[in-house]
Structures are given as structure tokens and as C-alpha cells.
Amino acid sequence: MGKNRYSAELKWSVVKDKLSGQHSNQQIMEKYGIKNVSQIKTWMRWYRNNEMHRFDQPIGKQYSFGHGPVYTSNEEKKNRQIENLKMENEILKKYLEIKEELELKRK
């Protein structure tokens, strides 16, 4: 039995679905083929602790010095940061939409 490898995009999708509050852990696990709920909890902890560099790290690799993978160029690093910020922006927009919906329902 080998370790599962999940892409950074899949990890971000899981975080986005979890933050939306529309899916349970079990539903997310079924949707993305995740075998253990602790994986979702780990990714959420990374997000809450602002450890965005960890979404790109390979299995078993713990970055400490440069806080992230070694990129071949500065452009590649910047592109990856832009993608992460775009995804985080989408998550925050979705959160605000849900917050507004809940406030309207309370009135």
C-alpha cells in the first residue's frame, strides 16, 4: 500500500469546498477520492496557519530553509504565487457570499 499523492490544485479545491460549508468531510472524501479525513484536517490547518508553501511540497518533504520548493526561475515562483493568491481570493469571495446569504436569512 503506497502513499497517495495529491496535486496542489486538488488540495486547494478541498480547502475551497470545506470553507464553503456546503459539503461534509465524507462528501469531500468521496468527491476527491481522499482515503482519510485527517488529510483534509491537515490541509485546513495549513490554510489557517498561512502555510501556503506546504500545498506544493512533495510527500515526506518538509521545507524549512526557503519555505517552499526550489523553482527553476523567479518567473515560475511568481506564477505559482499568483495562482495561489487567485485561489485564495476565490475562497474569500465565496466565504463573503455565504456570510451575506446567512445575514439575509436572519433578517
C-alpha atoms as a PDB file:
ATOM      1  CA  MET A   1       0.000   0.000   0.000  1.00  0.00           C
ATOM      2  CA  GLY A   2       1.665   3.209  -1.189  1.00  0.00           C
ATOM      3  CA  LYS A   3       1.139   6.785  -0.212  1.00  0.00           C
ATOM      4  CA  ASN A   4      -1.342   8.882  -2.122  1.00  0.00           C
ATOM      5  CA  ARG A   5      -0.135  11.911  -3.995  1.00  0.00           C
ATOM      6  CA  TYR A   6      -2.486  14.812  -4.304  1.00  0.00           C
ATOM      7  CA  SER A   7      -1.901  17.771  -6.588  1.00  0.00           C
ATOM      8  CA  ALA A   8      -1.814  21.295  -5.231  1.00  0.00           C
ATOM      9  CA  GLU A   9      -4.932  22.062  -7.259  1.00  0.00           C
ATOM     10  CA  LEU A  10      -6.830  19.212  -5.613  1.00  0.00           C
ATOM     11  CA  LYS A  11      -5.708  20.357  -2.159  1.00  0.00           C
ATOM     12  CA  TRP A  12      -6.926  23.890  -2.870  1.00  0.00           C
ATOM     13  CA  SER A  13     -10.231  22.552  -4.209  1.00  0.00           C
ATOM     14  CA  VAL A  14     -10.743  20.588  -0.992  1.00  0.00           C
ATOM     15  CA  VAL A  15      -9.998  23.684   1.107  1.00  0.00           C
ATOM     16  CA  LYS A  16     -12.389  25.734  -1.021  1.00  0.00           C
ATOM     17  CA  ASP A  17     -15.180  23.154  -0.666  1.00  0.00           C
ATOM     18  CA  LYS A  18     -14.599  22.852   3.064  1.00  0.00           C
ATOM     19  CA  LEU A  19     -14.682  26.631   3.590  1.00  0.00           C
ATOM     20  CA  SER A  20     -17.884  26.930   1.591  1.00  0.00           C
ATOM     21  CA  GLY A  21     -19.605  24.836   4.254  1.00  0.00           C
ATOM     22  CA  GLN A  22     -21.739  23.103   1.646  1.00  0.00           C
ATOM     23  CA  HIS A  23     -20.006  19.719   1.898  1.00  0.00           C
ATOM     24  CA  SER A  24     -19.254  17.409   4.808  1.00  0.00           C
ATOM     25  CA  ASN A  25     -15.856  15.769   5.197  1.00  0.00           C
ATOM     26  CA  GLN A  26     -17.359  12.488   3.994  1.00  0.00           C
ATOM     27  CA  GLN A  27     -18.762  14.110   0.845  1.00  0.00           C
ATOM     28  CA  ILE A  28     -15.417  15.759   0.104  1.00  0.00           C
ATOM     29  CA  MET A  29     -13.594  12.459   0.617  1.00  0.00           C
ATOM     30  CA  GLU A  30     -15.910  10.721  -1.848  1.00  0.00           C
ATOM     31  CA  LYS A  31     -15.765  13.557  -4.378  1.00  0.00           C
ATOM     32  CA  TYR A  32     -11.946  13.725  -4.497  1.00  0.00           C
ATOM     33  CA  GLY A  33     -11.027  10.137  -3.600  1.00  0.00           C
ATOM     34  CA  ILE A  34      -9.371  11.017  -0.308  1.00  0.00           C
ATOM     35  CA  LYS A  35      -8.973   7.998   1.958  1.00  0.00           C
ATOM     36  CA  ASN A  36      -8.643   9.615   5.386  1.00  0.00           C
ATOM     37  CA  VAL A  37     -10.340  12.596   6.990  1.00  0.00           C
ATOM     38  CA  SER A  38      -7.074  13.568   8.690  1.00  0.00           C
ATOM     39  CA  GLN A  39      -5.754  14.623   5.278  1.00  0.00           C
ATOM     40  CA  ILE A  40      -8.499  17.233   4.964  1.00  0.00           C
ATOM     41  CA  LYS A  41      -7.807  18.429   8.502  1.00  0.00           C
ATOM     42  CA  THR A  42      -4.099  18.767   7.705  1.00  0.00           C
ATOM     43  CA  TRP A  43      -4.761  20.888   4.614  1.00  0.00           C
ATOM     44  CA  MET A  44      -7.196  23.066   6.551  1.00  0.00           C
ATOM     45  CA  ARG A  45      -4.588  23.546   9.305  1.00  0.00           C
ATOM     46  CA  TRP A  46      -2.033  24.603   6.686  1.00  0.00           C
ATOM     47  CA  TYR A  47      -4.534  27.117   5.304  1.00  0.00           C
ATOM     48  CA  ARG A  48      -5.456  28.527   8.744  1.00  0.00           C
ATOM     49  CA  ASN A  49      -1.764  28.814   9.704  1.00  0.00           C
ATOM     50  CA  ASN A  50      -0.980  30.597   6.414  1.00  0.00           C
ATOM     51  CA  GLU A  51       1.455  27.847   5.364  1.00  0.00           C
ATOM     52  CA  MET A  52       0.604  28.147   1.671  1.00  0.00           C
ATOM     53  CA  HIS A  53       4.028  26.875   0.605  1.00  0.00           C
ATOM     54  CA  ARG A  54       3.124  23.460   2.012  1.00  0.00           C
ATOM     55  CA  PHE A  55       0.469  22.846  -0.653  1.00  0.00           C
ATOM     56  CA  ASP A  56       3.272  22.413  -3.206  1.00  0.00           C
ATOM     57  CA  GLN A  57       5.568  20.182  -1.182  1.00  0.00           C
ATOM     58  CA  PRO A  58       6.013  16.527  -2.169  1.00  0.00           C
ATOM     59  CA  ILE A  59       5.208  13.665   0.212  1.00  0.00           C
ATOM     60  CA  GLY A  60       7.546  13.486   3.171  1.00  0.00           C
ATOM     61  CA  LYS A  61       9.382  16.686   2.255  1.00  0.00           C
ATOM     62  CA  GLN A  62       9.408  19.325   4.964  1.00  0.00           C
ATOM     63  CA  TYR A  63      10.659  22.697   3.821  1.00  0.00           C
ATOM     64  CA  SER A  64      12.329  24.767   6.466  1.00  0.00           C
ATOM     65  CA  PHE A  65      15.052  26.970   4.984  1.00  0.00           C
ATOM     66  CA  GLY A  66      13.338  28.550   1.995  1.00  0.00           C
ATOM     67  CA  HIS A  67       9.764  27.673   2.992  1.00  0.00           C
ATOM     68  CA  GLY A  68       8.905  26.084  -0.295  1.00  0.00           C
ATOM     69  CA  PRO A  69      10.188  24.200  -3.293  1.00  0.00           C
ATOM     70  CA  VAL A  70      13.200  25.308  -5.271  1.00  0.00           C
ATOM     71  CA  TYR A  71      11.914  26.792  -8.509  1.00  0.00           C
ATOM     72  CA  THR A  72      13.888  26.824 -11.718  1.00  0.00           C
ATOM     73  CA  SER A  73      13.240  30.529 -12.185  1.00  0.00           C
ATOM     74  CA  ASN A  74      11.830  33.552 -10.426  1.00  0.00           C
ATOM     75  CA  GLU A  75       9.104  33.694 -13.044  1.00  0.00           C
ATOM     76  CA  GLU A  76       7.955  30.182 -12.167  1.00  0.00           C
ATOM     77  CA  LYS A  77       7.898  31.122  -8.481  1.00  0.00           C
ATOM     78  CA  LYS A  78       5.900  34.282  -9.172  1.00  0.00           C
ATOM     79  CA  ASN A  79       3.424  32.388 -11.359  1.00  0.00           C
ATOM     80  CA  ARG A  80       2.863  29.847  -8.584  1.00  0.00           C
ATOM     81  CA  GLN A  81       2.344  32.606  -6.026  1.00  0.00           C
ATOM     82  CA  ILE A  82      -0.146  34.334  -8.332  1.00  0.00           C
ATOM     83  CA  GLU A  83      -2.089  31.083  -8.765  1.00  0.00           C
ATOM     84  CA  ASN A  84      -2.194  30.545  -5.006  1.00  0.00           C
ATOM     85  CA  LEU A  85      -3.383  34.110  -4.421  1.00  0.00           C
ATOM     86  CA  LYS A  86      -6.080  33.761  -7.082  1.00  0.00           C
ATOM     87  CA  MET A  87      -7.366  30.616  -5.432  1.00  0.00           C
ATOM     88  CA  GLU A  88      -7.298  32.231  -2.001  1.00  0.00           C
ATOM     89  CA  ASN A  89      -9.210  35.203  -3.435  1.00  0.00           C
ATOM     90  CA  GLU A  90     -11.876  32.847  -4.819  1.00  0.00           C
ATOM     91  CA  ILE A  91     -12.202  31.194  -1.423  1.00  0.00           C
ATOM     92  CA  LEU A  92     -12.613  34.543   0.325  1.00  0.00           C
ATOM     93  CA  LYS A  93     -15.224  35.709  -2.205  1.00  0.00           C
ATOM     94  CA  LYS A  94     -17.211  32.511  -1.658  1.00  0.00           C
ATOM     95  CA  TYR A  95     -16.987  32.994   2.105  1.00  0.00           C
ATOM     96  CA  LEU A  96     -18.333  36.550   1.819  1.00  0.00           C
ATOM     97  CA  GLU A  97     -21.205  35.358  -0.390  1.00  0.00           C
ATOM     98  CA  ILE A  98     -22.185  32.724   2.157  1.00  0.00           C
ATOM     99  CA  LYS A  99     -21.886  35.234   5.001  1.00  0.00           C
ATOM    100  CA  GLU A 100     -24.202  37.682   3.182  1.00  0.00           C
ATOM    101  CA  GLU A 101     -26.733  34.909   2.479  1.00  0.00           C
ATOM    102  CA  LEU A 102     -26.780  33.927   6.144  1.00  0.00           C
ATOM    103  CA  GLU A 103     -27.231  37.542   7.258  1.00  0.00           C
ATOM    104  CA  LEU A 104     -30.172  37.971   4.865  1.00  0.00           C
ATOM    105  CA  LYS A 105     -31.803  34.803   6.214  1.00  0.00           C
ATOM    106  CA  ARG A 106     -31.516  36.090   9.784  1.00  0.00           C
ATOM    107  CA  LYS A 107     -33.463  39.268   8.952  1.00  0.00           C
END
